[in-house]
Amino acid sequence: MAKTPLGTTRTTGQKCPESGVWEAQSSPSTKIPLSEGETFPPYNNKSVTWKLISYA
């Protein structure tokens, strides 16, 4: 199965399509490790867009 391309984005509440390091597209930003199937969390109590920046 092909990997999800780096740069893929998902939003808070969606399921993670690929294990790796995801970066919040917000200011300030943060990076989190997330496993495939986990749900993207809010950041700073807000819904944010997460971008895949590296594979696990």
PDB file of N, CA and C in Angstrom:
ATOM      1  N   MET A   1       0.834  -1.189   0.000  1.00  0.00           N
ATOM      2  CA  MET A   1       0.000   0.000   0.000  1.00  0.00           C
ATOM      3  C   MET A   1       0.877   1.251   0.000  1.00  0.00           C
ATOM      4  N   ALA A   2       0.557   2.215  -0.832  1.00  0.00           N
ATOM      5  CA  ALA A   2       1.355   3.435  -0.958  1.00  0.00           C
ATOM      6  C   ALA A   2       1.206   4.304   0.283  1.00  0.00           C
ATOM      7  N   LYS A   3       2.292   4.978   0.624  1.00  0.00           N
ATOM      8  CA  LYS A   3       2.258   5.901   1.755  1.00  0.00           C
ATOM      9  C   LYS A   3       1.476   7.154   1.372  1.00  0.00           C
ATOM     10  N   THR A   4       0.864   7.759   2.389  1.00  0.00           N
ATOM     11  CA  THR A   4       0.219   9.054   2.200  1.00  0.00           C
ATOM     12  C   THR A   4       1.328  10.072   1.924  1.00  0.00           C
ATOM     13  N   PRO A   5       1.187  10.906   0.893  1.00  0.00           N
ATOM     14  CA  PRO A   5       2.262  11.849   0.554  1.00  0.00           C
ATOM     15  C   PRO A   5       2.548  12.862   1.667  1.00  0.00           C
ATOM     16  N   LEU A   6       3.835  13.189   1.850  1.00  0.00           N
ATOM     17  CA  LEU A   6       4.200  14.265   2.769  1.00  0.00           C
ATOM     18  C   LEU A   6       3.495  15.527   2.289  1.00  0.00           C
ATOM     19  N   GLY A   7       3.069  16.359   3.225  1.00  0.00           N
ATOM     20  CA  GLY A   7       2.340  17.570   2.877  1.00  0.00           C
ATOM     21  C   GLY A   7       0.832  17.393   2.925  1.00  0.00           C
ATOM     22  N   THR A   8       0.371  16.138   3.080  1.00  0.00           N
ATOM     23  CA  THR A   8      -1.059  15.870   3.204  1.00  0.00           C
ATOM     24  C   THR A   8      -1.584  16.578   4.448  1.00  0.00           C
ATOM     25  N   THR A   9      -2.802  17.127   4.371  1.00  0.00           N
ATOM     26  CA  THR A   9      -3.392  17.805   5.528  1.00  0.00           C
ATOM     27  C   THR A   9      -4.703  17.138   5.935  1.00  0.00           C
ATOM     28  N   ARG A  10      -4.960  17.231   7.229  1.00  0.00           N
ATOM     29  CA  ARG A  10      -6.223  16.766   7.810  1.00  0.00           C
ATOM     30  C   ARG A  10      -6.573  17.751   8.922  1.00  0.00           C
ATOM     31  N   THR A  11      -7.828  17.741   9.359  1.00  0.00           N
ATOM     32  CA  THR A  11      -8.247  18.668  10.404  1.00  0.00           C
ATOM     33  C   THR A  11      -8.606  17.932  11.693  1.00  0.00           C
ATOM     34  N   THR A  12      -8.665  18.696  12.780  1.00  0.00           N
ATOM     35  CA  THR A  12      -9.042  18.171  14.091  1.00  0.00           C
ATOM     36  C   THR A  12     -10.322  17.354  13.965  1.00  0.00           C
ATOM     37  N   GLY A  13     -10.311  16.167  14.566  1.00  0.00           N
ATOM     38  CA  GLY A  13     -11.476  15.293  14.561  1.00  0.00           C
ATOM     39  C   GLY A  13     -11.433  14.216  13.490  1.00  0.00           C
ATOM     40  N   GLN A  14     -10.588  14.403  12.464  1.00  0.00           N
ATOM     41  CA  GLN A  14     -10.469  13.382  11.424  1.00  0.00           C
ATOM     42  C   GLN A  14      -9.523  12.281  11.895  1.00  0.00           C
ATOM     43  N   LYS A  15      -9.593  11.135  11.236  1.00  0.00           N
ATOM     44  CA  LYS A  15      -8.699  10.012  11.550  1.00  0.00           C
ATOM     45  C   LYS A  15      -7.386  10.182  10.789  1.00  0.00           C
ATOM     46  N   CYS A  16      -6.294   9.829  11.449  1.00  0.00           N
ATOM     47  CA  CYS A  16      -4.965   9.929  10.861  1.00  0.00           C
ATOM     48  C   CYS A  16      -4.777   8.855   9.786  1.00  0.00           C
ATOM     49  N   PRO A  17      -4.394   9.256   8.553  1.00  0.00           N
ATOM     50  CA  PRO A  17      -4.235   8.277   7.480  1.00  0.00           C
ATOM     51  C   PRO A  17      -2.854   7.627   7.426  1.00  0.00           C
ATOM     52  N   GLU A  18      -1.880   8.181   8.155  1.00  0.00           N
ATOM     53  CA  GLU A  18      -0.497   7.698   8.070  1.00  0.00           C
ATOM     54  C   GLU A  18       0.240   8.011   9.364  1.00  0.00           C
ATOM     55  N   SER A  19       0.916   7.012   9.931  1.00  0.00           N
ATOM     56  CA  SER A  19       1.726   7.249  11.132  1.00  0.00           C
ATOM     57  C   SER A  19       2.895   8.143  10.780  1.00  0.00           C
ATOM     58  N   GLY A  20       3.134   9.138  11.626  1.00  0.00           N
ATOM     59  CA  GLY A  20       4.248  10.047  11.377  1.00  0.00           C
ATOM     60  C   GLY A  20       4.180  11.257  12.279  1.00  0.00           C
ATOM     61  N   VAL A  21       4.947  12.279  11.897  1.00  0.00           N
ATOM     62  CA  VAL A  21       4.964  13.536  12.633  1.00  0.00           C
ATOM     63  C   VAL A  21       4.103  14.527  11.865  1.00  0.00           C
ATOM     64  N   TRP A  22       3.158  15.111  12.571  1.00  0.00           N
ATOM     65  CA  TRP A  22       2.196  16.055  11.995  1.00  0.00           C
ATOM     66  C   TRP A  22       2.405  17.406  12.657  1.00  0.00           C
ATOM     67  N   GLU A  23       2.335  18.470  11.861  1.00  0.00           N
ATOM     68  CA  GLU A  23       2.561  19.833  12.353  1.00  0.00           C
ATOM     69  C   GLU A  23       1.275  20.647  12.245  1.00  0.00           C
ATOM     70  N   ALA A  24       0.935  21.327  13.335  1.00  0.00           N
ATOM     71  CA  ALA A  24      -0.246  22.194  13.335  1.00  0.00           C
ATOM     72  C   ALA A  24       0.032  23.408  12.461  1.00  0.00           C
ATOM     73  N   GLN A  25      -0.910  23.710  11.580  1.00  0.00           N
ATOM     74  CA  GLN A  25      -0.776  24.869  10.695  1.00  0.00           C
ATOM     75  C   GLN A  25      -1.442  26.063  11.379  1.00  0.00           C
ATOM     76  N   SER A  26      -0.786  26.518  12.443  1.00  0.00           N
ATOM     77  CA  SER A  26      -1.305  27.616  13.257  1.00  0.00           C
ATOM     78  C   SER A  26      -0.133  28.378  13.848  1.00  0.00           C
ATOM     79  N   SER A  27      -0.443  29.469  14.503  1.00  0.00           N
ATOM     80  CA  SER A  27       0.594  30.251  15.153  1.00  0.00           C
ATOM     81  C   SER A  27       0.178  30.472  16.607  1.00  0.00           C
ATOM     82  N   PRO A  28       0.953  29.988  17.589  1.00  0.00           N
ATOM     83  CA  PRO A  28       2.176  29.209  17.394  1.00  0.00           C
ATOM     84  C   PRO A  28       1.853  27.805  16.890  1.00  0.00           C
ATOM     85  N   SER A  29       2.863  27.155  16.345  1.00  0.00           N
ATOM     86  CA  SER A  29       2.696  25.820  15.811  1.00  0.00           C
ATOM     87  C   SER A  29       3.237  24.795  16.798  1.00  0.00           C
ATOM     88  N   THR A  30       2.949  23.542  16.542  1.00  0.00           N
ATOM     89  CA  THR A  30       3.513  22.447  17.322  1.00  0.00           C
ATOM     90  C   THR A  30       3.586  21.229  16.430  1.00  0.00           C
ATOM     91  N   LYS A  31       4.394  20.266  16.827  1.00  0.00           N
ATOM     92  CA  LYS A  31       4.512  19.006  16.097  1.00  0.00           C
ATOM     93  C   LYS A  31       4.140  17.880  17.051  1.00  0.00           C
ATOM     94  N   ILE A  32       3.414  16.883  16.521  1.00  0.00           N
ATOM     95  CA  ILE A  32       3.025  15.730  17.341  1.00  0.00           C
ATOM     96  C   ILE A  32       3.234  14.444  16.554  1.00  0.00           C
ATOM     97  N   PRO A  33       3.622  13.359  17.253  1.00  0.00           N
ATOM     98  CA  PRO A  33       3.617  12.052  16.595  1.00  0.00           C
ATOM     99  C   PRO A  33       2.202  11.497  16.671  1.00  0.00           C
ATOM    100  N   LEU A  34       1.709  10.949  15.585  1.00  0.00           N
ATOM    101  CA  LEU A  34       0.369  10.379  15.568  1.00  0.00           C
ATOM    102  C   LEU A  34       0.417   9.078  14.787  1.00  0.00           C
ATOM    103  N   SER A  35      -0.302   8.084  15.270  1.00  0.00           N
ATOM    104  CA  SER A  35      -0.356   6.784  14.604  1.00  0.00           C
ATOM    105  C   SER A  35      -1.589   6.687  13.716  1.00  0.00           C
ATOM    106  N   GLU A  36      -1.471   5.907  12.653  1.00  0.00           N
ATOM    107  CA  GLU A  36      -2.590   5.682  11.745  1.00  0.00           C
ATOM    108  C   GLU A  36      -3.820   5.243  12.522  1.00  0.00           C
ATOM    109  N   GLY A  37      -4.951   5.867  12.245  1.00  0.00           N
ATOM    110  CA  GLY A  37      -6.203   5.520  12.902  1.00  0.00           C
ATOM    111  C   GLY A  37      -6.545   6.367  14.106  1.00  0.00           C
ATOM    112  N   GLU A  38      -5.541   7.078  14.675  1.00  0.00           N
ATOM    113  CA  GLU A  38      -5.825   7.968  15.798  1.00  0.00           C
ATOM    114  C   GLU A  38      -6.575   9.197  15.290  1.00  0.00           C
ATOM    115  N   THR A  39      -7.233   9.896  16.199  1.00  0.00           N
ATOM    116  CA  THR A  39      -7.988  11.093  15.848  1.00  0.00           C
ATOM    117  C   THR A  39      -7.126  12.333  16.082  1.00  0.00           C
ATOM    118  N   PHE A  40      -7.136  13.237  15.108  1.00  0.00           N
ATOM    119  CA  PHE A  40      -6.369  14.474  15.264  1.00  0.00           C
ATOM    120  C   PHE A  40      -6.961  15.322  16.385  1.00  0.00           C
ATOM    121  N   PRO A  41      -6.114  15.782  17.305  1.00  0.00           N
ATOM    122  CA  PRO A  41      -6.601  16.557  18.449  1.00  0.00           C
ATOM    123  C   PRO A  41      -6.723  18.047  18.115  1.00  0.00           C
ATOM    124  N   PRO A  42      -7.444  18.770  18.982  1.00  0.00           N
ATOM    125  CA  PRO A  42      -7.408  20.233  18.865  1.00  0.00           C
ATOM    126  C   PRO A  42      -6.051  20.728  19.364  1.00  0.00           C
ATOM    127  N   TYR A  43      -5.729  21.958  19.073  1.00  0.00           N
ATOM    128  CA  TYR A  43      -4.496  22.576  19.562  1.00  0.00           C
ATOM    129  C   TYR A  43      -4.853  23.965  20.074  1.00  0.00           C
ATOM    130  N   ASN A  44      -4.402  24.286  21.291  1.00  0.00           N
ATOM    131  CA  ASN A  44      -4.773  25.549  21.946  1.00  0.00           C
ATOM    132  C   ASN A  44      -6.293  25.691  22.012  1.00  0.00           C
ATOM    133  N   ASN A  45      -6.971  24.566  22.268  1.00  0.00           N
ATOM    134  CA  ASN A  45      -8.433  24.526  22.377  1.00  0.00           C
ATOM    135  C   ASN A  45      -9.155  24.955  21.108  1.00  0.00           C
ATOM    136  N   LYS A  46      -8.502  24.804  19.960  1.00  0.00           N
ATOM    137  CA  LYS A  46      -9.106  25.168  18.680  1.00  0.00           C
ATOM    138  C   LYS A  46      -8.949  24.028  17.683  1.00  0.00           C
ATOM    139  N   SER A  47      -9.873  23.980  16.740  1.00  0.00           N
ATOM    140  CA  SER A  47      -9.750  23.057  15.613  1.00  0.00           C
ATOM    141  C   SER A  47      -8.677  23.602  14.681  1.00  0.00           C
ATOM    142  N   VAL A  48      -7.734  22.755  14.298  1.00  0.00           N
ATOM    143  CA  VAL A  48      -6.648  23.205  13.422  1.00  0.00           C
ATOM    144  C   VAL A  48      -6.442  22.208  12.287  1.00  0.00           C
ATOM    145  N   THR A  49      -5.696  22.638  11.304  1.00  0.00           N
ATOM    146  CA  THR A  49      -5.273  21.769  10.210  1.00  0.00           C
ATOM    147  C   THR A  49      -3.897  21.215  10.568  1.00  0.00           C
ATOM    148  N   TRP A  50      -3.728  19.913  10.368  1.00  0.00           N
ATOM    149  CA  TRP A  50      -2.463  19.233  10.632  1.00  0.00           C
ATOM    150  C   TRP A  50      -1.840  18.810   9.296  1.00  0.00           C
ATOM    151  N   LYS A  51      -0.515  18.963   9.180  1.00  0.00           N
ATOM    152  CA  LYS A  51       0.189  18.597   7.946  1.00  0.00           C
ATOM    153  C   LYS A  51       1.242  17.536   8.246  1.00  0.00           C
ATOM    154  N   LEU A  52       1.265  16.482   7.418  1.00  0.00           N
ATOM    155  CA  LEU A  52       2.247  15.411   7.569  1.00  0.00           C
ATOM    156  C   LEU A  52       3.613  15.924   7.106  1.00  0.00           C
ATOM    157  N   ILE A  53       4.594  15.920   8.039  1.00  0.00           N
ATOM    158  CA  ILE A  53       5.909  16.439   7.682  1.00  0.00           C
ATOM    159  C   ILE A  53       6.995  15.371   7.649  1.00  0.00           C
ATOM    160  N   SER A  54       6.758  14.224   8.304  1.00  0.00           N
ATOM    161  CA  SER A  54       7.709  13.112   8.189  1.00  0.00           C
ATOM    162  C   SER A  54       7.023  11.811   8.587  1.00  0.00           C
ATOM    163  N   TYR A  55       7.567  10.708   8.083  1.00  0.00           N
ATOM    164  CA  TYR A  55       7.008   9.399   8.380  1.00  0.00           C
ATOM    165  C   TYR A  55       7.570   8.867   9.688  1.00  0.00           C
ATOM    166  N   ALA A  56       6.812   7.957  10.343  1.00  0.00           N
ATOM    167  CA  ALA A  56       7.243   7.364  11.598  1.00  0.00           C
ATOM    168  C   ALA A  56       8.360   6.362  11.338  1.00  0.00           C
TER     169      ALA A  56
END
